Protein backbone atom coordinates (compact mmCIF):
# COMPACT_ATOMS: atom_id res chain seq x y z
CA MET A 1 13.16 -6.10 4.19
CA SER A 2 12.39 -9.80 3.88
CA LYS A 3 10.05 -11.04 1.20
CA PRO A 4 6.48 -11.39 2.51
CA LYS A 5 4.72 -14.73 2.17
CA ILE A 6 1.74 -13.14 0.42
CA THR A 7 1.36 -13.12 -3.36
CA PRO A 8 -1.41 -10.78 -4.56
CA LEU A 9 -3.75 -12.00 -7.28
CA GLY A 10 -5.19 -10.10 -10.25
CA ASP A 11 -4.76 -6.33 -10.16
CA ARG A 12 -3.99 -6.25 -6.44
CA VAL A 13 -0.85 -4.69 -4.96
CA LEU A 14 0.70 -5.40 -1.56
CA VAL A 15 1.99 -2.23 0.09
CA LYS A 16 3.64 -1.41 3.39
CA GLN A 17 2.61 1.90 4.88
CA VAL A 18 5.43 4.34 5.56
CA ASP A 19 5.50 5.45 9.20
CA GLU A 20 5.20 9.18 9.65
CA ASP A 21 7.23 10.93 12.32
CA GLU A 22 5.29 11.62 15.52
CA GLN A 23 4.14 15.21 15.39
CA VAL A 24 3.56 17.29 18.46
CA LYS A 25 1.29 20.28 17.93
CA GLY A 26 1.14 22.85 20.69
CA GLY A 27 2.90 20.50 23.10
CA ILE A 28 0.13 17.87 22.86
CA ILE A 29 1.16 14.32 22.02
CA ILE A 30 -1.42 12.65 19.80
CA PRO A 31 -1.94 8.95 20.70
CA ASP A 32 -1.65 6.32 17.95
CA SER A 33 -5.37 5.51 18.18
CA ALA A 34 -6.29 9.10 17.24
CA LYS A 35 -3.89 9.41 14.31
CA GLU A 36 -5.02 9.02 10.72
CA LYS A 37 -3.56 6.24 8.64
CA PRO A 38 -0.67 7.46 6.52
CA GLN A 39 -1.46 7.67 2.83
CA GLU A 40 2.14 7.09 1.77
CA ALA A 41 3.20 3.49 1.17
CA GLU A 42 5.87 1.39 -0.52
CA VAL A 43 4.97 -1.27 -3.10
CA VAL A 44 6.12 -4.66 -1.79
CA ALA A 45 4.59 -7.11 -4.30
CA LEU A 46 2.42 -7.07 -7.43
CA GLY A 47 -0.34 -9.41 -8.50
CA THR A 48 -0.66 -11.26 -11.78
CA GLY A 49 -2.25 -8.28 -13.55
CA LYS A 50 -5.68 -7.24 -14.74
CA LYS A 51 -6.96 -8.77 -17.98
CA ASP A 52 -8.81 -6.94 -20.72
CA GLU A 53 -11.81 -8.31 -22.66
CA ASP A 54 -9.52 -10.26 -25.01
CA GLY A 55 -7.64 -11.93 -22.14
CA ASN A 56 -4.47 -9.86 -22.56
CA VAL A 57 -2.73 -8.87 -19.33
CA ILE A 58 -2.64 -5.11 -18.74
CA PRO A 59 0.77 -4.18 -17.26
CA PHE A 60 0.97 -2.45 -13.89
CA GLN A 61 1.77 1.27 -13.81
CA VAL A 62 3.78 0.82 -10.60
CA LYS A 63 6.71 -1.43 -9.78
CA LYS A 64 8.12 -3.04 -6.66
CA GLY A 65 9.87 -0.45 -4.45
CA ASP A 66 7.83 2.56 -5.70
CA LYS A 67 6.63 5.06 -3.08
CA VAL A 68 2.94 5.70 -3.73
CA LEU A 69 -0.03 7.63 -2.37
CA ILE A 70 -2.95 5.37 -1.59
CA SER A 71 -6.64 5.93 -1.01
CA LYS A 72 -7.43 6.53 2.65
CA TYR A 73 -10.18 3.90 2.96
CA GLY A 74 -9.25 1.37 0.27
CA GLY A 75 -7.85 -2.10 0.65
CA THR A 76 -7.58 -4.73 3.34
CA GLU A 77 -5.13 -4.60 6.22
CA VAL A 78 -2.99 -7.72 6.68
CA LYS A 79 -0.57 -8.44 9.55
CA LEU A 80 2.20 -10.94 8.89
CA ASP A 81 5.19 -11.56 11.19
CA ASP A 82 4.33 -8.41 13.21
CA VAL A 83 4.51 -6.26 10.06
CA GLU A 84 1.36 -4.52 8.83
CA TYR A 85 0.68 -4.55 5.11
CA GLN A 86 -2.26 -3.40 3.05
CA LEU A 87 -3.64 -5.31 0.06
CA ILE A 88 -5.17 -2.83 -2.40
CA ARG A 89 -6.33 -2.72 -6.00
CA GLU A 90 -4.14 -0.77 -8.40
CA ASP A 91 -7.10 1.62 -8.84
CA ASP A 92 -6.70 2.64 -5.16
CA ILE A 93 -3.22 4.02 -5.91
CA LEU A 94 -3.57 7.76 -6.43
CA GLY A 95 -0.05 8.49 -7.64
CA VAL A 96 3.65 7.68 -7.52
CA ILE A 97 5.92 9.86 -5.37
CA GLY A 98 9.16 11.03 -6.98
């Protein structure tokens, strides 16, 4: 994976959604437009960090390469070099997988 040309700011995290395998239920193929967005993603880049009231940087709880569960409706979708990323706040990360 090449390094994206986006550097998040503040407590934002750049993630790439993990593609789920196409599932066929009862022999019906579900088109991409009807599928829900996957909630599993991989952390690609971290911002500069959130600051507390004293100006100290609060460290991130995730690191680059972590597989995470993200909020279904959080963040902003970004497309760069035909790859779709999502720019989210660290608060929109629900948990780390594994």
